[in-house]
Amino acid sequence: MYLKNALRAATALTFVATAAAHAQTITIATVNNGDMIRMQGYTDNFTEATGIDVEWVTLEENVLRQRVTTDITTKGGQFDIMTIGMYETPIWGANDWLVPLDGLSAEYDVDDILPAMRNGLSNDGTLYAAPFYGESSMVMYRTDLMEKAGLEMPEAPTWQFIREAAAAMTDRDNEINGICLRGKAGWGEGGAFITVTANSFGARWFDEDWKPQFDQPEWKDALTFFVDMMNESGPAGYATNGFNENLSLFQQGKCGMWIDATVAASFVTNPDDSTVADKVGFALAPNAEGVDKRSNWLWAWALAIPEGTEQADAAKQFIEWATSKDYIELVAENEGWANVPPGARTSLYENPDYQAVPFAKKTLESILSADPNNPTVKPVPYVGIQFAAIPEFAGIATQVSQEFSAVYAGQQSVDEALAKAQAFTAEEMEAAGY
């Protein structure tokens, strides 16, 4: 079956049979998330069809961001393909640090990529990275524990309901935490989560004059609410928990609720990995009472080619293969539709087989409701929901997230962290000329 699909993919993507005669090796840096690990298991199919070998460098999210950023800014040349996202891609594309993904085959059907993903991975109309999967964020919860608590999850809950439900589901004697959320330092880890939480409380990173806003009451309200809720109902040591740590806790039955990337839905409902696979429900990410902004983000883990690689053609062939309709069908045939990479292609959500997947509709609804051009309640000068799309953001937000994680660990107060965040961000933005 693998060989049949490999040959079909090769034909559909117009791979040249003589490629096998020219041994090549491409090196790919990627994040250690489940869908990327799965992709590595199918790499032999690509090699059989093209003769191109693949070496993987698989890294934890914070380490991946650091490694690929260092490599591309120093022209290190370690990687032929990098796994990056909606923050890096437009900025790096504008700097001519990435190879444009033009000239993709007709069979690849670039117009089938969801507009939200295509737009977020382009600069000035040029696509610079292809989405392996796309995501927003949503609530994943234990239906049995919600019922036991005598509560019913709304389709669109408030943070106040989430906190009430988390307290009701917490059972310390049985190691059940009412809620598991990211607290791990890193702008794309805990930093991303507290940013979208703050958005839903009416906060923003910068005002229209690029002045930091951590001294405003909305940020204090959001951070205080988060800390109090997690101290009441979250796991011990949540200050060091990111996506993968919380995924493991949920799969072990130790979380009543988890609010995180929509892509996690396939893992928490997979009976091979999750002890609660048949007891999971889904809802939209919360908003604060009286605030018309939900705490869901928009993201794609995407494959891009750094400018200067000597393997650009081979790299583009791999990207076509890994982000194609045929790859989705390959995974579906072998592992079921629930396990295909989600959130990237319109045709996937038009497929009746995928529409039957229990989380498909809520995932698409979450993605379509995320608006990076209007991420907050008040006007802002930046694009991006869980980030501000300026080059300085990653460094600033990494430092700010470390201050917040110190609060989660009980090492400083909310007021102290916000004061440090305000002072540091103001200094860095002034130095950058804003």
Protein backbone atom coordinates (compact mmCIF):
# COMPACT_ATOMS: atom_id res chain seq x y z
CA MET A 1 0.00 0.00 0.00
CA TYR A 2 2.81 2.38 0.88
CA LEU A 3 4.52 1.80 -2.49
CA LYS A 4 1.23 2.20 -4.39
CA ASN A 5 0.58 5.53 -2.73
CA ALA A 6 4.15 6.65 -3.21
CA LEU A 7 3.95 5.95 -6.93
CA ARG A 8 0.59 7.69 -7.21
CA ALA A 9 1.95 10.72 -5.40
CA ALA A 10 4.99 10.73 -7.63
CA THR A 11 2.83 10.76 -10.73
CA ALA A 12 0.48 13.43 -9.41
CA LEU A 13 3.32 15.73 -8.45
CA THR A 14 5.22 15.14 -11.70
CA PHE A 15 8.35 13.80 -10.04
CA VAL A 16 11.02 12.76 -12.52
CA ALA A 17 11.84 9.08 -12.48
CA THR A 18 15.50 9.70 -13.23
CA ALA A 19 15.87 11.53 -9.92
CA ALA A 20 16.74 8.20 -8.33
CA ALA A 21 19.93 8.17 -10.35
CA HIS A 22 21.18 11.32 -8.63
CA ALA A 23 21.54 10.66 -4.92
CA GLN A 24 20.71 13.76 -2.91
CA THR A 25 20.17 14.39 0.76
CA ILE A 26 18.15 17.25 2.21
CA THR A 27 18.16 18.23 5.87
CA ILE A 28 14.93 19.34 7.51
CA ALA A 29 14.55 21.08 10.88
CA THR A 30 11.19 20.45 12.51
CA VAL A 31 9.32 20.62 15.79
CA ASN A 32 8.75 17.51 17.92
CA ASN A 33 4.96 17.58 17.56
CA GLY A 34 3.01 14.43 16.73
CA ASP A 35 2.10 15.23 13.13
CA MET A 36 5.74 15.92 12.27
CA ILE A 37 6.82 12.67 13.90
CA ARG A 38 4.19 10.89 11.80
CA MET A 39 5.49 12.61 8.64
CA GLN A 40 8.96 11.22 9.31
CA GLY A 41 7.49 7.72 9.29
CA TYR A 42 6.35 8.19 5.70
CA THR A 43 9.60 9.70 4.41
CA ASP A 44 10.69 6.44 2.78
CA ASN A 45 7.75 6.84 0.38
CA PHE A 46 9.17 10.14 -0.80
CA THR A 47 12.68 8.71 -1.14
CA GLU A 48 11.43 5.70 -3.13
CA ALA A 49 9.65 8.00 -5.58
CA THR A 50 12.39 10.58 -6.00
CA GLY A 51 15.73 9.13 -4.90
CA ILE A 52 16.12 12.05 -2.50
CA ASP A 53 17.17 11.06 1.02
CA VAL A 54 15.97 13.04 4.01
CA GLU A 55 17.75 13.76 7.28
CA TRP A 56 15.65 15.10 10.16
CA VAL A 57 16.65 17.43 12.96
CA THR A 58 13.72 17.24 15.39
CA LEU A 59 13.69 19.80 18.19
CA GLU A 60 11.57 21.07 21.07
CA GLU A 61 9.61 24.15 20.00
CA ASN A 62 11.65 26.83 21.79
CA VAL A 63 14.92 25.23 20.64
CA LEU A 64 13.68 24.93 17.04
CA ARG A 65 12.81 28.64 16.91
CA GLN A 66 16.23 29.57 18.23
CA ARG A 67 18.14 27.23 15.92
CA VAL A 68 16.40 28.18 12.68
CA THR A 69 16.46 31.90 13.48
CA THR A 70 20.17 31.78 14.20
CA ASP A 71 20.83 29.75 11.07
CA ILE A 72 18.91 31.99 8.71
CA THR A 73 20.18 35.30 10.12
CA THR A 74 23.81 34.13 10.03
CA LYS A 75 23.40 32.30 6.70
CA GLY A 76 24.62 29.16 8.45
CA GLY A 77 23.28 26.79 5.79
CA GLN A 78 22.53 23.90 8.18
CA PHE A 79 19.06 23.23 6.79
CA ASP A 80 17.45 22.87 3.37
CA ILE A 81 13.94 23.08 4.80
CA MET A 82 12.85 24.81 8.00
CA THR A 83 9.60 24.36 9.90
CA ILE A 84 8.45 27.90 10.68
CA GLY A 85 5.16 29.71 11.14
CA MET A 86 3.07 32.77 10.47
CA TYR A 87 5.28 35.03 12.55
CA GLU A 88 8.58 34.33 10.79
CA THR A 89 7.45 33.72 7.24
CA PRO A 90 6.29 37.21 6.10
CA ILE A 91 9.22 38.92 7.85
CA TRP A 92 11.83 36.55 6.47
CA GLY A 93 10.22 36.61 3.04
CA ALA A 94 10.37 40.42 2.98
CA ASN A 95 14.08 40.19 3.83
CA ASP A 96 14.69 37.79 0.91
CA TRP A 97 15.78 35.09 3.35
CA LEU A 98 13.40 32.49 1.91
CA VAL A 99 12.97 30.94 -1.54
CA PRO A 100 9.57 31.94 -3.02
CA LEU A 101 7.28 28.94 -3.48
CA ASP A 102 6.21 29.89 -6.97
CA GLY A 103 6.06 27.46 -9.85
CA LEU A 104 4.34 24.75 -7.82
CA SER A 105 2.67 22.12 -9.99
CA ALA A 106 -0.93 22.40 -11.14
CA GLU A 107 -1.69 19.11 -9.37
CA TYR A 108 -0.52 20.63 -6.10
CA ASP A 109 -3.38 23.15 -6.35
CA VAL A 110 -2.06 26.06 -4.31
CA ASP A 111 -5.48 27.73 -4.51
CA ASP A 112 -6.85 24.91 -2.37
CA ILE A 113 -4.85 26.14 0.63
CA LEU A 114 -7.20 27.87 3.07
CA PRO A 115 -7.01 31.64 2.49
CA ALA A 116 -6.22 32.29 6.18
CA MET A 117 -3.17 30.05 5.89
CA ARG A 118 -2.05 31.25 2.48
CA ASN A 119 -2.29 34.90 3.49
CA GLY A 120 -0.43 34.34 6.74
CA LEU A 121 2.44 32.60 4.94
CA SER A 122 2.84 35.18 2.19
CA ASN A 123 4.46 38.56 1.76
CA ASP A 124 3.28 40.99 -0.88
CA GLY A 125 1.26 38.23 -2.53
CA THR A 126 4.11 35.71 -2.74
CA LEU A 127 3.89 32.41 -0.86
CA TYR A 128 7.07 31.72 1.10
CA ALA A 129 6.04 28.67 3.14
CA ALA A 130 3.53 25.86 2.61
CA PRO A 131 1.36 24.86 5.58
CA PHE A 132 1.90 21.31 6.79
CA TYR A 133 -1.00 21.90 9.12
CA GLY A 134 -2.99 24.89 10.28
CA GLU A 135 -4.58 25.53 13.63
CA SER A 136 -6.47 27.81 15.91
CA SER A 137 -7.14 27.03 19.57
CA MET A 138 -10.21 25.69 21.33
CA VAL A 139 -11.47 23.99 24.49
CA MET A 140 -11.02 20.24 24.81
CA TYR A 141 -12.81 18.80 27.83
CA ARG A 142 -13.79 15.58 29.57
CA THR A 143 -17.47 15.03 28.94
CA ASP A 144 -17.73 12.54 31.81
CA LEU A 145 -16.21 14.93 34.35
CA MET A 146 -18.35 17.81 33.12
CA GLU A 147 -21.46 15.68 33.57
CA LYS A 148 -20.29 14.54 37.01
CA ALA A 149 -19.87 18.20 38.00
CA GLY A 150 -23.48 18.84 36.99
CA LEU A 151 -22.48 21.33 34.31
CA GLU A 152 -22.94 21.59 30.54
CA MET A 153 -20.26 23.11 28.34
CA PRO A 154 -21.62 25.96 26.18
CA GLU A 155 -20.66 26.09 22.52
CA ALA A 156 -18.96 29.41 23.26
CA PRO A 157 -18.01 29.55 26.97
CA THR A 158 -16.79 32.51 29.00
CA TRP A 159 -13.64 32.43 31.08
CA GLN A 160 -15.83 32.74 34.16
CA PHE A 161 -17.62 29.49 33.25
CA ILE A 162 -14.29 27.79 32.53
CA ARG A 163 -12.99 28.73 35.98
CA GLU A 164 -16.17 27.50 37.68
CA ALA A 165 -16.07 24.23 35.77
CA ALA A 166 -12.36 23.74 36.45
CA ALA A 167 -12.92 24.07 40.19
CA ALA A 168 -15.85 21.66 40.05
CA MET A 169 -13.86 19.02 38.14
CA THR A 170 -10.69 19.23 40.22
CA ASP A 171 -10.09 16.10 42.29
CA ARG A 172 -6.68 16.30 43.92
CA ASP A 173 -7.04 12.90 45.60
CA ASN A 174 -7.32 11.25 42.19
CA GLU A 175 -4.74 13.50 40.47
CA ILE A 176 -7.35 15.19 38.29
CA ASN A 177 -6.68 18.86 37.56
CA GLY A 178 -9.72 20.82 36.46
CA ILE A 179 -7.70 22.64 33.82
CA CYS A 180 -4.29 22.31 32.13
CA LEU A 181 -2.84 25.36 30.36
CA ARG A 182 0.56 26.46 29.08
CA GLY A 183 2.84 28.26 31.52
CA LYS A 184 6.15 27.43 29.88
CA ALA A 185 8.38 30.38 29.01
CA GLY A 186 8.81 31.13 25.31
CA TRP A 187 6.95 33.56 23.09
CA GLY A 188 5.28 30.74 21.16
CA GLU A 189 4.62 28.55 24.21
CA GLY A 190 3.19 30.13 27.37
CA GLY A 191 3.70 33.57 25.84
CA ALA A 192 1.25 32.79 23.05
CA PHE A 193 -1.37 31.51 25.45
CA ILE A 194 -1.29 34.43 27.89
CA THR A 195 -1.36 36.86 24.95
CA VAL A 196 -4.60 35.46 23.53
CA THR A 197 -6.02 35.28 27.05
CA ALA A 198 -5.18 38.95 27.51
CA ASN A 199 -6.78 39.75 24.12
CA SER A 200 -10.02 38.24 25.42
CA PHE A 201 -9.88 40.51 28.50
CA GLY A 202 -9.48 43.61 26.31
CA ALA A 203 -5.70 43.96 26.62
CA ARG A 204 -3.16 44.57 23.87
CA TRP A 205 0.62 44.54 23.53
CA PHE A 206 0.93 48.05 22.10
CA ASP A 207 -1.31 51.05 21.59
CA GLU A 208 -1.53 52.83 18.25
CA ASP A 209 1.69 54.73 19.00
CA TRP A 210 3.59 51.51 19.75
CA LYS A 211 3.60 52.19 23.50
CA PRO A 212 3.61 49.02 25.63
CA GLN A 213 0.38 48.44 27.55
CA PHE A 214 1.40 46.20 30.45
CA ASP A 215 0.66 49.04 32.88
CA GLN A 216 -3.01 49.00 31.90
CA PRO A 217 -5.72 47.31 34.03
CA GLU A 218 -6.73 44.79 31.33
CA TRP A 219 -3.35 43.08 31.53
CA LYS A 220 -3.50 42.90 35.32
CA ASP A 221 -7.03 41.50 35.15
CA ALA A 222 -6.02 38.82 32.64
CA LEU A 223 -2.81 37.73 34.36
CA THR A 224 -4.39 37.74 37.82
CA PHE A 225 -7.34 35.68 36.58
CA PHE A 226 -5.03 33.17 34.90
CA VAL A 227 -2.79 32.74 37.94
CA ASP A 228 -5.69 32.42 40.39
CA MET A 229 -7.47 29.86 38.21
CA MET A 230 -4.35 27.76 37.72
CA ASN A 231 -3.48 27.87 41.42
CA GLU A 232 -7.01 26.68 42.21
CA SER A 233 -7.39 23.99 39.58
CA GLY A 234 -4.20 23.53 37.55
CA PRO A 235 -1.42 20.95 37.86
CA ALA A 236 1.58 21.44 40.10
CA GLY A 237 4.53 22.87 38.19
CA TYR A 238 2.41 24.31 35.39
CA ALA A 239 5.03 27.04 34.95
CA THR A 240 7.09 24.54 32.94
CA ASN A 241 4.24 22.93 30.97
CA GLY A 242 3.92 23.58 27.25
CA PHE A 243 1.93 21.92 24.48
CA ASN A 244 3.48 18.46 24.73
CA GLU A 245 3.46 18.35 28.54
CA ASN A 246 -0.24 19.22 28.70
CA LEU A 247 -1.04 16.79 25.89
CA SER A 248 0.51 14.00 27.94
CA LEU A 249 -1.42 15.01 31.08
CA PHE A 250 -4.73 15.09 29.18
CA GLN A 251 -4.11 11.74 27.51
CA GLN A 252 -3.40 10.23 30.93
CA GLY A 253 -6.77 11.43 32.22
CA LYS A 254 -5.29 14.07 34.51
CA CYS A 255 -7.04 17.15 33.03
CA GLY A 256 -10.69 18.08 33.09
CA MET A 257 -10.14 20.74 30.42
CA TRP A 258 -7.32 21.77 28.15
CA ILE A 259 -7.40 24.90 25.98
CA ASP A 260 -4.80 24.69 23.26
CA ALA A 261 -4.12 24.10 19.58
CA THR A 262 -6.94 22.56 17.58
CA VAL A 263 -4.43 20.12 16.10
CA ALA A 264 -4.33 18.34 19.48
CA ALA A 265 -7.86 17.02 18.94
CA SER A 266 -6.66 14.05 16.91
CA PHE A 267 -4.24 13.02 19.66
CA VAL A 268 -6.63 13.27 22.60
CA THR A 269 -9.25 11.24 20.70
CA ASN A 270 -6.86 8.54 19.49
CA PRO A 271 -7.54 5.37 21.52
CA ASP A 272 -4.01 4.12 20.88
CA ASP A 273 -2.57 7.05 22.85
CA SER A 274 -5.33 8.53 25.00
CA THR A 275 -6.97 6.87 27.99
CA VAL A 276 -9.95 9.23 27.63
CA ALA A 277 -10.35 9.07 23.84
CA ASP A 278 -14.09 8.37 23.96
CA LYS A 279 -14.82 11.06 26.56
CA VAL A 280 -13.69 14.27 24.84
CA GLY A 281 -15.85 17.21 23.81
CA PHE A 282 -14.96 20.48 22.08
CA ALA A 283 -15.98 24.14 22.39
CA LEU A 284 -14.79 27.50 21.14
CA ALA A 285 -12.01 29.26 23.05
CA PRO A 286 -13.36 31.42 25.89
CA ASN A 287 -13.98 35.15 26.11
CA ALA A 288 -14.19 37.25 29.27
CA GLU A 289 -17.64 38.29 30.41
CA GLY A 290 -18.71 41.39 28.47
CA VAL A 291 -15.73 41.31 26.08
CA ASP A 292 -16.45 40.40 22.47
CA LYS A 293 -13.09 38.80 21.67
CA ARG A 294 -12.29 35.12 21.98
CA SER A 295 -8.94 33.77 23.12
CA ASN A 296 -8.17 31.76 19.98
CA TRP A 297 -5.08 32.18 17.89
CA LEU A 298 -4.18 31.49 14.26
CA TRP A 299 -1.08 29.53 13.32
CA ALA A 300 0.41 27.20 10.77
CA TRP A 301 3.46 25.04 11.11
CA ALA A 302 4.81 25.37 7.60
CA LEU A 303 7.75 24.25 5.49
CA ALA A 304 10.04 26.88 3.98
CA ILE A 305 13.30 26.86 2.02
CA PRO A 306 16.10 29.15 3.24
CA GLU A 307 17.71 31.28 0.56
CA GLY A 308 21.19 30.04 -0.25
CA THR A 309 20.53 26.32 0.02
CA GLU A 310 22.10 24.30 -2.78
CA GLN A 311 19.18 21.86 -2.66
CA ALA A 312 16.30 24.22 -3.48
CA ASP A 313 14.78 22.02 -6.20
CA ALA A 314 14.86 18.90 -4.05
CA ALA A 315 13.51 20.85 -1.11
CA LYS A 316 10.61 22.13 -3.18
CA GLN A 317 9.81 18.57 -4.28
CA PHE A 318 9.63 17.49 -0.64
CA ILE A 319 7.40 20.41 0.30
CA GLU A 320 5.03 19.56 -2.57
CA TRP A 321 4.88 15.97 -1.37
CA ALA A 322 4.44 16.65 2.36
CA THR A 323 1.79 19.35 2.02
CA SER A 324 -0.18 17.80 -0.85
CA LYS A 325 -3.66 16.31 -1.09
CA ASP A 326 -2.01 12.97 -1.82
CA TYR A 327 -0.10 13.03 1.47
CA ILE A 328 -3.38 13.63 3.31
CA GLU A 329 -4.92 10.64 1.54
CA LEU A 330 -1.87 8.53 2.32
CA VAL A 331 -2.26 9.17 6.06
CA ALA A 332 -6.03 8.67 5.88
CA GLU A 333 -5.70 5.29 4.17
CA ASN A 334 -3.21 4.04 6.73
CA GLU A 335 -4.28 5.74 9.95
CA GLY A 336 -7.81 7.07 9.43
CA TRP A 337 -9.17 10.51 8.58
CA ALA A 338 -8.97 11.73 12.17
CA ASN A 339 -5.17 11.58 11.97
CA VAL A 340 -4.50 13.59 8.81
CA PRO A 341 -2.81 17.01 9.08
CA PRO A 342 -5.68 19.46 9.66
CA GLY A 343 -6.40 23.08 8.94
CA ALA A 344 -4.50 23.65 5.71
CA ARG A 345 -6.72 22.77 2.73
CA THR A 346 -10.26 23.74 1.77
CA SER A 347 -10.86 20.38 0.09
CA LEU A 348 -10.28 18.55 3.37
CA TYR A 349 -13.25 20.31 4.97
CA GLU A 350 -15.40 19.62 1.91
CA ASN A 351 -14.66 15.89 2.15
CA PRO A 352 -17.61 13.97 3.69
CA ASP A 353 -15.21 11.46 5.24
CA TYR A 354 -13.47 14.23 7.13
CA GLN A 355 -16.68 16.06 7.98
CA ALA A 356 -17.61 12.98 10.03
CA VAL A 357 -14.57 13.50 12.29
CA PRO A 358 -15.97 14.87 15.59
CA PHE A 359 -13.63 17.85 15.88
CA ALA A 360 -13.49 18.89 12.21
CA LYS A 361 -16.31 21.43 12.33
CA LYS A 362 -15.12 23.10 15.54
CA THR A 363 -11.57 23.31 14.21
CA LEU A 364 -12.66 25.05 11.01
CA GLU A 365 -15.00 27.37 12.92
CA SER A 366 -12.13 28.35 15.22
CA ILE A 367 -9.76 28.99 12.30
CA LEU A 368 -12.29 31.07 10.38
CA SER A 369 -13.16 33.18 13.44
CA ALA A 370 -9.53 34.18 14.08
CA ASP A 371 -8.75 37.63 12.66
CA PRO A 372 -5.06 38.59 12.72
CA ASN A 373 -5.90 42.03 11.29
CA ASN A 374 -8.18 42.79 14.25
CA PRO A 375 -6.70 40.76 17.11
CA THR A 376 -7.82 42.89 20.04
CA VAL A 377 -10.78 44.92 21.30
CA LYS A 378 -9.01 48.27 21.00
CA PRO A 379 -7.16 49.35 17.83
CA VAL A 380 -3.56 48.19 17.41
CA PRO A 381 -0.83 48.98 14.87
CA TYR A 382 0.23 45.37 14.42
CA VAL A 383 -0.98 42.23 12.66
CA GLY A 384 -1.05 38.93 14.53
CA ILE A 385 -3.14 37.41 17.30
CA GLN A 386 -0.72 35.63 19.63
CA PHE A 387 2.15 37.73 18.34
CA ALA A 388 2.85 41.15 16.86
CA ALA A 389 4.36 40.75 13.41
CA ILE A 390 7.44 42.92 13.91
CA PRO A 391 11.04 41.62 13.96
CA GLU A 392 11.60 42.77 17.55
CA PHE A 393 8.67 40.82 18.97
CA ALA A 394 10.29 37.40 19.40
CA GLY A 395 13.10 38.69 21.60
CA ILE A 396 10.87 40.99 23.63
CA ALA A 397 8.11 38.43 24.11
CA THR A 398 10.54 35.71 25.13
CA GLN A 399 11.77 37.92 27.97
CA VAL A 400 8.23 38.94 28.96
CA SER A 401 7.09 35.30 28.99
CA GLN A 402 9.96 34.47 31.35
CA GLU A 403 8.72 37.14 33.77
CA PHE A 404 5.21 35.69 33.61
CA SER A 405 6.46 32.14 34.14
CA ALA A 406 8.25 33.39 37.27
CA VAL A 407 4.82 34.48 38.56
CA TYR A 408 3.38 31.05 37.82
CA ALA A 409 6.25 29.49 39.77
CA GLY A 410 5.56 31.75 42.74
CA GLN A 411 8.82 33.65 42.39
CA GLN A 412 7.31 37.13 41.98
CA SER A 413 3.96 38.90 42.01
CA VAL A 414 1.72 39.84 39.10
CA ASP A 415 2.47 43.53 39.73
CA GLU A 416 6.23 42.94 39.73
CA ALA A 417 6.11 40.96 36.47
CA LEU A 418 3.96 43.54 34.69
CA ALA A 419 6.20 46.38 35.82
CA LYS A 420 9.27 44.55 34.50
CA ALA A 421 7.48 43.72 31.24
CA GLN A 422 6.48 47.35 30.77
CA ALA A 423 9.97 48.71 31.44
CA PHE A 424 11.80 46.14 29.33
CA THR A 425 9.43 46.39 26.37
CA ALA A 426 9.47 50.21 26.41
CA GLU A 427 13.26 50.22 26.44
CA GLU A 428 13.54 47.73 23.59
CA MET A 429 10.95 49.47 21.44
CA GLU A 430 12.61 52.84 21.96
CA ALA A 431 15.99 51.36 21.03
CA ALA A 432 14.42 49.91 17.87
CA GLY A 433 13.15 53.36 16.86
CA TYR A 434 9.43 53.00 17.43
